[in-house]
């Protein structure tokens, strides 16, 4: 099975006090946990550790962040904020401070195809 929890992937929280916030995956720590950043309240030097069960995965990836992580280059908070803004604009979302995640138009289906789920 393909791993969708790769660096640069757009996700939103579905549980916890950060419910509805959008993040980019910085890296995978274990089979069930990833580190998330958004460049503002969760910075690169203090990422959020989150269980993958509590994330909604989108089929959008910030290529520059993924490339920097894979080549060992430094990722800055400004890089993360710009990439997150671009992805959310491409997706048609306004970056919310809080609130409900989107309706799932681009959510990955159980088979991972990225087709509409509803």
N, C-alpha and C. Protein backbone atom coordinates (compact mmCIF):
# COMPACT_ATOMS: atom_id res chain seq x y z
N UNK A 1 0.83 -1.19 0.00
CA UNK A 1 0.00 0.00 0.00
C UNK A 1 0.87 1.25 0.00
N UNK A 2 0.47 2.26 -0.73
CA UNK A 2 1.22 3.49 -0.84
C UNK A 2 1.08 4.32 0.44
N UNK A 3 2.17 4.97 0.83
CA UNK A 3 2.16 5.80 2.03
C UNK A 3 1.75 7.23 1.68
N UNK A 4 0.64 7.68 2.22
CA UNK A 4 0.15 9.03 1.95
C UNK A 4 0.64 10.04 2.97
N UNK A 5 1.35 9.60 3.99
CA UNK A 5 1.83 10.50 5.03
C UNK A 5 3.28 10.87 4.75
N UNK A 6 3.48 11.59 3.65
CA UNK A 6 4.81 11.98 3.21
C UNK A 6 5.02 13.47 3.48
N UNK A 7 6.27 13.92 3.56
CA UNK A 7 6.54 15.34 3.80
C UNK A 7 5.90 16.22 2.73
N UNK A 8 5.32 17.33 3.20
CA UNK A 8 4.69 18.28 2.30
C UNK A 8 3.21 18.04 2.05
N UNK A 9 2.67 16.92 2.50
CA UNK A 9 1.25 16.57 2.26
C UNK A 9 0.35 17.49 3.09
N UNK A 10 -0.72 17.97 2.48
CA UNK A 10 -1.72 18.79 3.15
C UNK A 10 -2.65 17.90 3.95
N UNK A 11 -2.85 18.24 5.23
CA UNK A 11 -3.76 17.50 6.10
C UNK A 11 -4.53 18.51 6.96
N UNK A 12 -5.63 18.05 7.53
CA UNK A 12 -6.34 18.85 8.53
C UNK A 12 -6.65 17.96 9.71
N UNK A 13 -6.75 18.58 10.86
CA UNK A 13 -7.01 17.84 12.09
C UNK A 13 -8.49 17.55 12.24
N UNK A 14 -8.81 16.32 12.62
CA UNK A 14 -10.21 15.93 12.82
C UNK A 14 -10.53 15.69 14.28
N UNK A 15 -9.55 15.86 15.16
CA UNK A 15 -9.77 15.65 16.59
C UNK A 15 -8.80 16.50 17.39
N UNK A 16 -9.22 16.85 18.58
CA UNK A 16 -8.36 17.62 19.47
C UNK A 16 -8.69 19.11 19.43
N UNK A 17 -7.96 19.88 20.20
CA UNK A 17 -8.24 21.31 20.26
C UNK A 17 -7.83 22.05 18.99
N UNK A 18 -7.09 21.37 18.13
CA UNK A 18 -6.71 21.96 16.84
C UNK A 18 -7.64 21.52 15.72
N UNK A 19 -8.82 21.02 16.07
CA UNK A 19 -9.80 20.52 15.10
C UNK A 19 -10.04 21.55 14.00
N UNK A 20 -9.92 21.11 12.75
CA UNK A 20 -10.20 21.97 11.62
C UNK A 20 -9.01 22.74 11.09
N UNK A 21 -7.90 22.74 11.77
CA UNK A 21 -6.73 23.48 11.30
C UNK A 21 -6.00 22.68 10.23
N UNK A 22 -5.43 23.41 9.29
CA UNK A 22 -4.67 22.80 8.22
C UNK A 22 -3.18 22.82 8.55
N UNK A 23 -2.50 21.75 8.16
CA UNK A 23 -1.07 21.60 8.40
C UNK A 23 -0.42 20.96 7.18
N UNK A 24 0.91 21.03 7.17
CA UNK A 24 1.70 20.24 6.24
C UNK A 24 2.47 19.22 7.06
N UNK A 25 2.62 18.03 6.52
CA UNK A 25 3.41 17.01 7.21
C UNK A 25 4.89 17.35 7.04
N UNK A 26 5.60 17.41 8.15
CA UNK A 26 7.04 17.66 8.11
C UNK A 26 7.79 16.34 7.95
N UNK A 27 7.41 15.35 8.75
CA UNK A 27 8.00 14.02 8.62
C UNK A 27 7.18 13.00 9.39
N UNK A 28 7.47 11.75 9.14
CA UNK A 28 6.79 10.65 9.83
C UNK A 28 7.71 10.13 10.92
N UNK A 29 7.19 10.07 12.14
CA UNK A 29 7.98 9.66 13.29
C UNK A 29 7.89 8.15 13.50
N UNK A 30 6.69 7.59 13.32
CA UNK A 30 6.48 6.15 13.49
C UNK A 30 5.35 5.72 12.56
N UNK A 31 4.92 4.50 12.70
CA UNK A 31 3.82 3.99 11.88
C UNK A 31 2.52 4.76 12.10
N UNK A 32 2.34 5.31 13.30
CA UNK A 32 1.07 5.95 13.62
C UNK A 32 1.18 7.45 13.90
N UNK A 33 2.37 8.02 13.88
CA UNK A 33 2.52 9.43 14.24
C UNK A 33 3.32 10.21 13.21
N UNK A 34 2.90 11.47 13.02
CA UNK A 34 3.61 12.38 12.13
C UNK A 34 3.84 13.71 12.85
N UNK A 35 4.78 14.49 12.33
CA UNK A 35 5.01 15.84 12.84
C UNK A 35 4.42 16.82 11.84
N UNK A 36 3.64 17.77 12.37
CA UNK A 36 2.92 18.72 11.53
C UNK A 36 3.38 20.15 11.80
N UNK A 37 3.37 20.96 10.75
CA UNK A 37 3.72 22.37 10.88
C UNK A 37 2.74 23.21 10.06
N UNK A 38 2.56 24.47 10.49
CA UNK A 38 1.78 25.41 9.68
C UNK A 38 2.48 26.76 9.58
N UNK A 39 3.63 26.91 10.22
CA UNK A 39 4.42 28.12 10.10
C UNK A 39 4.03 29.25 11.03
N UNK A 40 2.90 29.12 11.72
CA UNK A 40 2.49 30.18 12.64
C UNK A 40 2.50 29.66 14.08
N UNK A 41 1.43 28.98 14.49
CA UNK A 41 1.42 28.47 15.86
C UNK A 41 2.17 27.15 16.00
N UNK A 42 2.37 26.44 14.92
CA UNK A 42 3.20 25.22 14.91
C UNK A 42 4.34 25.44 13.94
N UNK A 43 5.45 25.86 14.50
CA UNK A 43 6.61 26.22 13.69
C UNK A 43 7.50 25.01 13.44
N UNK A 44 8.45 25.18 12.55
CA UNK A 44 9.37 24.10 12.17
C UNK A 44 10.20 23.64 13.37
N UNK A 45 10.56 24.57 14.26
CA UNK A 45 11.36 24.19 15.42
C UNK A 45 10.52 23.63 16.57
N UNK A 46 9.19 23.61 16.43
CA UNK A 46 8.32 23.02 17.45
C UNK A 46 7.10 22.40 16.82
N UNK A 47 7.28 21.37 15.98
CA UNK A 47 6.13 20.78 15.27
C UNK A 47 5.18 20.04 16.20
N UNK A 48 3.96 19.87 15.73
CA UNK A 48 2.94 19.14 16.49
C UNK A 48 3.04 17.66 16.17
N UNK A 49 3.09 16.85 17.19
CA UNK A 49 3.08 15.41 17.03
C UNK A 49 1.62 14.96 17.04
N UNK A 50 1.19 14.26 15.99
CA UNK A 50 -0.23 13.91 15.86
C UNK A 50 -0.39 12.48 15.36
N UNK A 51 -1.38 11.79 15.90
CA UNK A 51 -1.72 10.45 15.46
C UNK A 51 -2.40 10.54 14.10
N UNK A 52 -2.02 9.69 13.17
CA UNK A 52 -2.57 9.75 11.82
C UNK A 52 -4.06 9.43 11.78
N UNK A 53 -4.58 8.77 12.81
CA UNK A 53 -6.02 8.48 12.88
C UNK A 53 -6.83 9.77 12.99
N UNK A 54 -6.20 10.83 13.49
CA UNK A 54 -6.89 12.09 13.73
C UNK A 54 -6.63 13.12 12.64
N UNK A 55 -6.30 12.64 11.46
CA UNK A 55 -6.00 13.54 10.34
C UNK A 55 -6.86 13.22 9.13
N UNK A 56 -7.25 14.25 8.42
CA UNK A 56 -7.89 14.11 7.13
C UNK A 56 -6.81 14.42 6.09
N UNK A 57 -6.58 13.50 5.18
CA UNK A 57 -5.50 13.63 4.20
C UNK A 57 -6.06 14.15 2.88
N UNK A 58 -5.37 15.12 2.30
CA UNK A 58 -5.75 15.67 1.01
C UNK A 58 -4.71 15.25 -0.03
N UNK A 59 -5.10 15.15 -1.29
CA UNK A 59 -4.17 14.71 -2.33
C UNK A 59 -3.29 15.84 -2.87
N UNK A 60 -3.03 16.84 -2.06
CA UNK A 60 -2.19 17.96 -2.45
C UNK A 60 -0.88 17.91 -1.68
N UNK A 61 0.21 18.12 -2.38
CA UNK A 61 1.54 18.08 -1.76
C UNK A 61 2.30 19.34 -2.13
N UNK A 62 2.95 19.95 -1.15
CA UNK A 62 3.82 21.10 -1.38
C UNK A 62 5.16 20.56 -1.86
N UNK A 63 5.38 20.64 -3.17
CA UNK A 63 6.58 20.06 -3.78
C UNK A 63 7.87 20.63 -3.25
N UNK A 64 7.92 21.95 -3.00
CA UNK A 64 9.15 22.55 -2.51
C UNK A 64 9.50 22.08 -1.10
N UNK A 65 8.49 21.90 -0.27
CA UNK A 65 8.73 21.40 1.09
C UNK A 65 9.19 19.94 1.02
N UNK A 66 8.53 19.13 0.22
CA UNK A 66 8.91 17.72 0.07
C UNK A 66 10.34 17.61 -0.43
N UNK A 67 10.71 18.44 -1.41
CA UNK A 67 12.06 18.41 -1.96
C UNK A 67 13.10 18.81 -0.91
N UNK A 68 12.81 19.88 -0.17
CA UNK A 68 13.76 20.34 0.85
C UNK A 68 13.96 19.29 1.94
N UNK A 69 12.89 18.66 2.38
CA UNK A 69 13.00 17.63 3.42
C UNK A 69 13.79 16.44 2.89
N UNK A 70 13.50 16.01 1.68
CA UNK A 70 14.18 14.82 1.13
C UNK A 70 15.66 15.06 0.86
N UNK A 71 16.04 16.31 0.55
CA UNK A 71 17.45 16.60 0.28
C UNK A 71 18.19 17.12 1.51
N UNK A 72 17.49 17.24 2.62
CA UNK A 72 18.14 17.68 3.85
C UNK A 72 18.35 19.17 3.95
N UNK A 73 17.69 19.94 3.09
CA UNK A 73 17.80 21.40 3.16
C UNK A 73 16.95 21.93 4.30
N UNK A 74 17.26 23.14 4.70
CA UNK A 74 16.54 23.77 5.80
C UNK A 74 15.16 24.24 5.33
N UNK A 75 14.13 23.88 6.08
CA UNK A 75 12.77 24.32 5.81
C UNK A 75 12.47 25.43 6.80
N UNK A 76 12.02 26.58 6.31
CA UNK A 76 11.71 27.70 7.20
C UNK A 76 10.20 27.84 7.38
N UNK A 77 9.81 28.59 8.40
CA UNK A 77 8.40 28.84 8.64
C UNK A 77 7.78 29.63 7.49
N UNK A 78 8.56 30.52 6.90
CA UNK A 78 8.07 31.28 5.74
C UNK A 78 7.78 30.34 4.57
N UNK A 79 8.66 29.36 4.34
CA UNK A 79 8.41 28.36 3.29
C UNK A 79 7.09 27.63 3.54
N UNK A 80 6.87 27.25 4.78
CA UNK A 80 5.67 26.50 5.15
C UNK A 80 4.43 27.36 4.96
N UNK A 81 4.47 28.61 5.43
CA UNK A 81 3.30 29.49 5.29
C UNK A 81 2.96 29.73 3.82
N UNK A 82 3.97 29.97 3.01
CA UNK A 82 3.73 30.20 1.57
C UNK A 82 3.14 28.96 0.90
N UNK A 83 3.73 27.81 1.19
CA UNK A 83 3.25 26.56 0.57
C UNK A 83 1.83 26.24 1.02
N UNK A 84 1.54 26.43 2.29
CA UNK A 84 0.21 26.16 2.82
C UNK A 84 -0.81 27.11 2.18
N UNK A 85 -0.46 28.38 2.05
CA UNK A 85 -1.34 29.34 1.42
C UNK A 85 -1.62 28.96 -0.03
N UNK A 86 -0.58 28.59 -0.77
CA UNK A 86 -0.76 28.19 -2.18
C UNK A 86 -1.66 26.96 -2.31
N UNK A 87 -1.43 25.96 -1.45
CA UNK A 87 -2.24 24.74 -1.52
C UNK A 87 -3.70 25.03 -1.20
N UNK A 88 -3.93 25.85 -0.18
CA UNK A 88 -5.31 26.15 0.20
C UNK A 88 -6.01 27.00 -0.86
N UNK A 89 -5.26 27.88 -1.52
CA UNK A 89 -5.85 28.65 -2.62
C UNK A 89 -6.19 27.72 -3.79
N UNK A 90 -5.30 26.78 -4.07
CA UNK A 90 -5.54 25.82 -5.14
C UNK A 90 -6.74 24.94 -4.81
N UNK A 91 -6.92 24.64 -3.56
CA UNK A 91 -8.03 23.80 -3.12
C UNK A 91 -9.32 24.60 -3.00
N UNK A 92 -9.19 25.94 -2.88
CA UNK A 92 -10.38 26.78 -2.77
C UNK A 92 -10.81 27.02 -1.34
N UNK A 93 -9.89 26.88 -0.41
CA UNK A 93 -10.18 27.11 1.00
C UNK A 93 -9.54 28.42 1.44
N UNK A 94 -10.15 29.06 2.41
CA UNK A 94 -9.52 30.17 3.10
C UNK A 94 -8.92 29.58 4.35
N UNK A 95 -7.73 29.98 4.69
CA UNK A 95 -7.04 29.39 5.83
C UNK A 95 -7.73 29.80 7.13
N UNK A 96 -8.50 28.90 7.76
CA UNK A 96 -9.23 29.25 8.96
C UNK A 96 -8.35 29.14 10.21
N UNK A 97 -8.68 29.95 11.20
CA UNK A 97 -8.00 29.83 12.48
C UNK A 97 -8.58 28.61 13.21
N UNK A 98 -9.88 28.44 13.11
CA UNK A 98 -10.55 27.29 13.68
C UNK A 98 -11.71 26.95 12.79
N UNK A 99 -12.35 25.86 13.07
CA UNK A 99 -13.54 25.53 12.31
C UNK A 99 -13.49 24.13 11.76
N UNK A 100 -14.53 23.82 11.07
CA UNK A 100 -14.70 22.48 10.52
C UNK A 100 -13.90 22.30 9.24
N UNK A 101 -13.25 21.17 9.06
CA UNK A 101 -12.55 20.92 7.80
C UNK A 101 -13.56 20.86 6.66
N UNK A 102 -13.06 20.94 5.47
CA UNK A 102 -13.93 20.95 4.29
C UNK A 102 -14.77 19.69 4.21
N UNK A 103 -15.73 19.72 3.29
CA UNK A 103 -16.68 18.63 3.13
C UNK A 103 -16.10 17.35 2.60
N UNK A 104 -14.86 17.30 2.18
CA UNK A 104 -14.24 16.06 1.76
C UNK A 104 -14.17 15.85 0.27
N UNK A 105 -14.32 16.91 -0.53
CA UNK A 105 -14.31 16.74 -1.96
C UNK A 105 -13.01 16.10 -2.44
N UNK A 106 -11.90 16.44 -1.80
CA UNK A 106 -10.62 15.90 -2.23
C UNK A 106 -10.05 14.88 -1.26
N UNK A 107 -10.82 14.46 -0.32
CA UNK A 107 -10.34 13.49 0.65
C UNK A 107 -10.04 12.17 -0.05
N UNK A 108 -8.97 11.52 0.38
CA UNK A 108 -8.61 10.24 -0.21
C UNK A 108 -9.62 9.18 0.21
N UNK A 109 -10.06 8.40 -0.74
CA UNK A 109 -10.99 7.33 -0.45
C UNK A 109 -10.24 6.17 0.20
N UNK A 110 -10.98 5.18 0.64
CA UNK A 110 -10.38 4.03 1.32
C UNK A 110 -9.33 3.34 0.46
N UNK A 111 -9.54 3.32 -0.87
CA UNK A 111 -8.57 2.67 -1.73
C UNK A 111 -7.42 3.61 -2.10
N UNK A 112 -7.48 4.87 -1.61
CA UNK A 112 -6.39 5.81 -1.84
C UNK A 112 -6.39 6.45 -3.21
N UNK A 113 -7.49 6.36 -3.94
CA UNK A 113 -7.51 6.84 -5.30
C UNK A 113 -7.67 8.35 -5.41
N UNK A 114 -8.14 9.02 -4.35
CA UNK A 114 -8.35 10.44 -4.42
C UNK A 114 -9.66 10.83 -5.08
N UNK A 115 -10.51 9.85 -5.34
CA UNK A 115 -11.82 10.13 -5.94
C UNK A 115 -12.71 10.79 -4.90
N UNK A 116 -13.80 11.36 -5.38
CA UNK A 116 -14.72 12.00 -4.45
C UNK A 116 -15.26 10.99 -3.45
N UNK A 117 -15.33 11.43 -2.21
CA UNK A 117 -15.86 10.60 -1.14
C UNK A 117 -17.05 11.34 -0.57
N UNK A 118 -18.11 10.67 -0.32
CA UNK A 118 -19.18 11.49 0.19
C UNK A 118 -20.24 10.75 0.79
